[in-house]
C-alpha atoms as a PDB file:
ATOM      1  CA  MET A   1      87.375  96.556 149.348  1.00  0.00           C
ATOM      2  CA  ALA A   2      89.677  95.821 146.359  1.00  0.00           C
ATOM      3  CA  GLU A   3      93.161  95.003 147.416  1.00  0.00           C
ATOM      4  CA  GLU A   4      96.084  97.255 146.504  1.00  0.00           C
ATOM      5  CA  ARG A   5      98.160  95.786 144.099  1.00  0.00           C
ATOM      6  CA  ILE A   6     101.880  95.134 145.466  1.00  0.00           C
ATOM      7  CA  TYR A   7     104.403  95.956 142.516  1.00  0.00           C
ATOM      8  CA  THR A   8     107.648  94.407 142.381  1.00  0.00           C
ATOM      9  CA  ILE A   9     111.055  94.339 140.075  1.00  0.00           C
ATOM     10  CA  VAL A  10     114.164  92.231 140.532  1.00  0.00           C
ATOM     11  CA  VAL A  11     117.396  93.735 141.042  1.00  0.00           C
ATOM     12  CA  GLN A  12     120.009  92.201 141.676  1.00  0.00           C
ATOM     13  CA  ARG A  13     118.614  89.141 142.743  1.00  0.00           C
ATOM     14  CA  GLU A  14     116.373  90.404 145.318  1.00  0.00           C
ATOM     15  CA  ARG A  15     112.761  91.386 144.838  1.00  0.00           C
ATOM     16  CA  VAL A  16     112.087  95.307 145.371  1.00  0.00           C
ATOM     17  CA  GLU A  17     108.898  96.733 145.940  1.00  0.00           C
ATOM     18  CA  VAL A  18     108.477  99.853 143.685  1.00  0.00           C
ATOM     19  CA  SER A  19     105.514 102.076 142.843  1.00  0.00           C
ATOM     20  CA  ARG A  20     103.529 101.364 139.596  1.00  0.00           C
ATOM     21  CA  GLU A  21     105.261 103.694 137.028  1.00  0.00           C
ATOM     22  CA  VAL A  22     108.571 102.074 137.912  1.00  0.00           C
ATOM     23  CA  TYR A  23     107.289  98.676 137.580  1.00  0.00           C
ATOM     24  CA  TYR A  24     105.531  99.743 133.955  1.00  0.00           C
ATOM     25  CA  ALA A  25     108.479 101.945 132.907  1.00  0.00           C
ATOM     26  CA  TYR A  26     111.003  98.660 133.734  1.00  0.00           C
ATOM     27  CA  HIS A  27     108.752  96.589 131.895  1.00  0.00           C
ATOM     28  CA  LYS A  28     108.226  98.950 129.256  1.00  0.00           C
ATOM     29  CA  ALA A  29     112.636  99.129 128.418  1.00  0.00           C
ATOM     30  CA  ARG A  30     112.782  95.680 129.431  1.00  0.00           C
ATOM     31  CA  GLU A  31     110.390  94.786 126.623  1.00  0.00           C
ATOM     32  CA  ALA A  32     112.065  97.065 124.330  1.00  0.00           C
ATOM     33  CA  GLU A  33     115.421  95.528 125.010  1.00  0.00           C
ATOM     34  CA  ARG A  34     114.091  92.753 124.371  1.00  0.00           C
ATOM     35  CA  TYR A  35     112.512  93.393 121.027  1.00  0.00           C
ATOM     36  CA  GLN A  36     115.615  94.802 119.782  1.00  0.00           C
ATOM     37  CA  ASN A  37     117.615  92.003 120.610  1.00  0.00           C
ATOM     38  CA  ARG A  38     115.147  90.040 118.536  1.00  0.00           C
ATOM     39  CA  VAL A  39     115.403  92.455 115.900  1.00  0.00           C
ATOM     40  CA  ILE A  40     119.367  91.970 115.941  1.00  0.00           C
ATOM     41  CA  ARG A  41     119.267  88.552 116.087  1.00  0.00           C
ATOM     42  CA  GLN A  42     117.091  88.507 112.882  1.00  0.00           C
ATOM     43  CA  ILE A  43     120.027  90.873 110.680  1.00  0.00           C
ATOM     44  CA  GLU A  44     122.886  89.430 112.426  1.00  0.00           C
ATOM     45  CA  MET A  45     125.125  88.034 109.988  1.00  0.00           C
ATOM     46  CA  SER A  46     127.825  85.920 111.676  1.00  0.00           C
ATOM     47  CA  LEU A  47     129.140  82.998 110.132  1.00  0.00           C
ATOM     48  CA  GLU A  48     128.564  80.540 113.350  1.00  0.00           C
ATOM     49  CA  ARG A  49     124.689  81.739 112.859  1.00  0.00           C
ATOM     50  CA  PHE A  50     124.759  80.851 109.039  1.00  0.00           C
ATOM     51  CA  GLN A  51     126.564  77.018 110.066  1.00  0.00           C
ATOM     52  CA  GLU A  52     123.666  76.762 113.083  1.00  0.00           C
ATOM     53  CA  GLU A  53     120.917  77.435 110.170  1.00  0.00           C
ATOM     54  CA  GLY A  54     122.409  75.345 107.068  1.00  0.00           C
ATOM     55  CA  VAL A  55     122.899  78.624 105.351  1.00  0.00           C
ATOM     56  CA  SER A  56     125.849  79.471 103.091  1.00  0.00           C
ATOM     57  CA  ALA A  57     127.418  82.763 104.098  1.00  0.00           C
ATOM     58  CA  GLU A  58     127.380  83.454 100.100  1.00  0.00           C
ATOM     59  CA  TYR A  59     124.006  83.588  99.872  1.00  0.00           C
ATOM     60  CA  ARG A  60     122.999  85.406 102.802  1.00  0.00           C
ATOM     61  CA  VAL A  61     125.437  87.856 101.527  1.00  0.00           C
ATOM     62  CA  VAL A  62     124.347  87.916  98.030  1.00  0.00           C
ATOM     63  CA  ARG A  63     120.467  87.903  98.764  1.00  0.00           C
ATOM     64  CA  ALA A  64     121.725  90.978 101.591  1.00  0.00           C
ATOM     65  CA  ALA A  65     123.507  93.236  98.744  1.00  0.00           C
ATOM     66  CA  PRO A  66     121.011  95.881  97.138  1.00  0.00           C
ATOM     67  CA  GLY A  67     121.197  94.187  93.358  1.00  0.00           C
ATOM     68  CA  ILE A  68     122.995  96.111  90.000  1.00  0.00           C
ATOM     69  CA  GLU A  69     119.110  97.706  88.709  1.00  0.00           C
ATOM     70  CA  GLU A  70     118.165  99.007  92.372  1.00  0.00           C
ATOM     71  CA  GLU A  71     121.645 100.978  92.339  1.00  0.00           C
ATOM     72  CA  MET A  72     121.262 101.936  88.574  1.00  0.00           C
ATOM     73  CA  ILE A  73     117.998 103.078  89.631  1.00  0.00           C
ATOM     74  CA  ARG A  74     119.293 104.853  92.559  1.00  0.00           C
ATOM     75  CA  ALA A  75     122.199 106.612  90.652  1.00  0.00           C
ATOM     76  CA  GLU A  76     119.625 107.592  88.036  1.00  0.00           C
ATOM     77  CA  ASP A  77     117.330 109.180  90.398  1.00  0.00           C
ATOM     78  CA  ASN A  78     119.944 111.104  92.024  1.00  0.00           C
ATOM     79  CA  ARG A  79     121.431 112.657  88.896  1.00  0.00           C
ATOM     80  CA  ARG A  80     118.254 113.895  87.961  1.00  0.00           C
ATOM     81  CA  LEU A  81     117.361 115.686  91.440  1.00  0.00           C
ATOM     82  CA  TYR A  82     120.845 117.012  91.152  1.00  0.00           C
ATOM     83  CA  HIS A  83     120.011 118.311  87.724  1.00  0.00           C
ATOM     84  CA  ALA A  84     116.684 119.391  88.964  1.00  0.00           C
ATOM     85  CA  LEU A  85     119.037 121.611  92.082  1.00  0.00           C
ATOM     86  CA  ASP A  86     120.863 122.750  89.503  1.00  0.00           C
ATOM     87  CA  GLU A  87     117.783 124.819  87.706  1.00  0.00           C
ATOM     88  CA  LEU A  88     116.792 126.473  90.980  1.00  0.00           C
ATOM     89  CA  ASN A  89     118.033 130.163  91.522  1.00  0.00           C
ATOM     90  CA  VAL A  90     120.098 130.526  94.398  1.00  0.00           C
ATOM     91  CA  GLU A  91     117.417 131.907  96.875  1.00  0.00           C
ATOM     92  CA  GLU A  92     115.381 128.533  96.335  1.00  0.00           C
ATOM     93  CA  ARG A  93     118.608 126.193  96.946  1.00  0.00           C
ATOM     94  CA  LEU A  94     119.244 127.942 100.291  1.00  0.00           C
ATOM     95  CA  LEU A  95     115.957 127.240 101.388  1.00  0.00           C
ATOM     96  CA  ILE A  96     116.371 123.852 100.880  1.00  0.00           C
ATOM     97  CA  ASP A  97     119.973 123.594 102.108  1.00  0.00           C
ATOM     98  CA  ALA A  98     118.630 125.195 105.423  1.00  0.00           C
ATOM     99  CA  LEU A  99     115.535 123.076 105.945  1.00  0.00           C
ATOM    100  CA  PHE A 100     117.016 119.864 104.162  1.00  0.00           C
ATOM    101  CA  PHE A 101     121.032 119.634 104.930  1.00  0.00           C
ATOM    102  CA  SER A 102     121.514 122.556 107.464  1.00  0.00           C
ATOM    103  CA  GLY A 103     119.227 121.001 109.875  1.00  0.00           C
ATOM    104  CA  ILE A 104     117.478 124.015 110.582  1.00  0.00           C
ATOM    105  CA  THR A 105     113.749 124.389 111.371  1.00  0.00           C
ATOM    106  CA  GLU A 106     111.393 125.836 109.548  1.00  0.00           C
ATOM    107  CA  GLY A 107     110.220 128.387 112.754  1.00  0.00           C
ATOM    108  CA  GLU A 108     114.118 129.350 113.305  1.00  0.00           C
ATOM    109  CA  LEU A 109     114.364 129.630 109.233  1.00  0.00           C
ATOM    110  CA  ALA A 110     111.633 131.718 109.325  1.00  0.00           C
ATOM    111  CA  ALA A 111     113.447 134.483 112.028  1.00  0.00           C
ATOM    112  CA  HIS A 112     115.970 134.415 110.117  1.00  0.00           C
ATOM    113  CA  LEU A 113     114.164 135.530 107.291  1.00  0.00           C
ATOM    114  CA  GLY A 114     111.999 137.924 109.093  1.00  0.00           C
ATOM    115  CA  VAL A 115     108.830 135.869 108.128  1.00  0.00           C
ATOM    116  CA  THR A 116     106.452 133.615 109.546  1.00  0.00           C
ATOM    117  CA  GLN A 117     106.836 129.851 109.783  1.00  0.00           C
ATOM    118  CA  GLN A 118     103.630 129.222 107.782  1.00  0.00           C
ATOM    119  CA  ALA A 119     105.235 131.452 104.900  1.00  0.00           C
ATOM    120  CA  VAL A 120     108.271 129.115 105.123  1.00  0.00           C
ATOM    121  CA  SER A 121     106.491 126.238 104.523  1.00  0.00           C
ATOM    122  CA  LYS A 122     104.242 127.407 102.217  1.00  0.00           C
ATOM    123  CA  ARG A 123     107.790 127.894 100.226  1.00  0.00           C
ATOM    124  CA  LYS A 124     109.106 124.715 101.106  1.00  0.00           C
ATOM    125  CA  LYS A 125     105.995 123.135  99.499  1.00  0.00           C
ATOM    126  CA  ARG A 126     106.119 125.137  96.570  1.00  0.00           C
ATOM    127  CA  LEU A 127     109.307 124.065  95.582  1.00  0.00           C
ATOM    128  CA  LEU A 128     109.112 120.603  96.665  1.00  0.00           C
ATOM    129  CA  ARG A 129     106.646 120.474  94.076  1.00  0.00           C
ATOM    130  CA  LYS A 130     108.521 122.105  91.713  1.00  0.00           C
ATOM    131  CA  LEU A 131     111.697 119.884  92.232  1.00  0.00           C
ATOM    132  CA  ARG A 132     108.820 116.885  91.389  1.00  0.00           C
ATOM    133  CA  GLU A 133     107.664 117.825  88.456  1.00  0.00           C
ATOM    134  CA  LYS A 134     110.949 118.414  87.248  1.00  0.00           C
ATOM    135  CA  ILE A 135     111.918 114.922  88.196  1.00  0.00           C
ATOM    136  CA  GLU A 136     109.238 113.498  86.497  1.00  0.00           C
END
């Protein structure tokens, strides 16, 4: 007959018996925290860390900064997007604004307009296709 496993965690330097669910939730949260700390450590830009690694701070900052080419491409993409948005009619602009900038869901917008969510979704897809064609 299989023995029932006892699950424990350490709380204030003492082992405490917990349920299986609590044990797994605790360790899942602990692993997530370790992962986040590892990610933060990888992207952390501190002078002490640079000195520890023997890398000049100027090199790391220049390497992390976006290049002028990337900035120019992003600016051109934004210009084309705004130009395409300007060519939309008022109803199309309101739909884009509601869904992408005001945080309104398709369902909420559909209820407000008195149409189905599917109709709003189709309009959105059609508008995005239209914008994509104008941008390219």
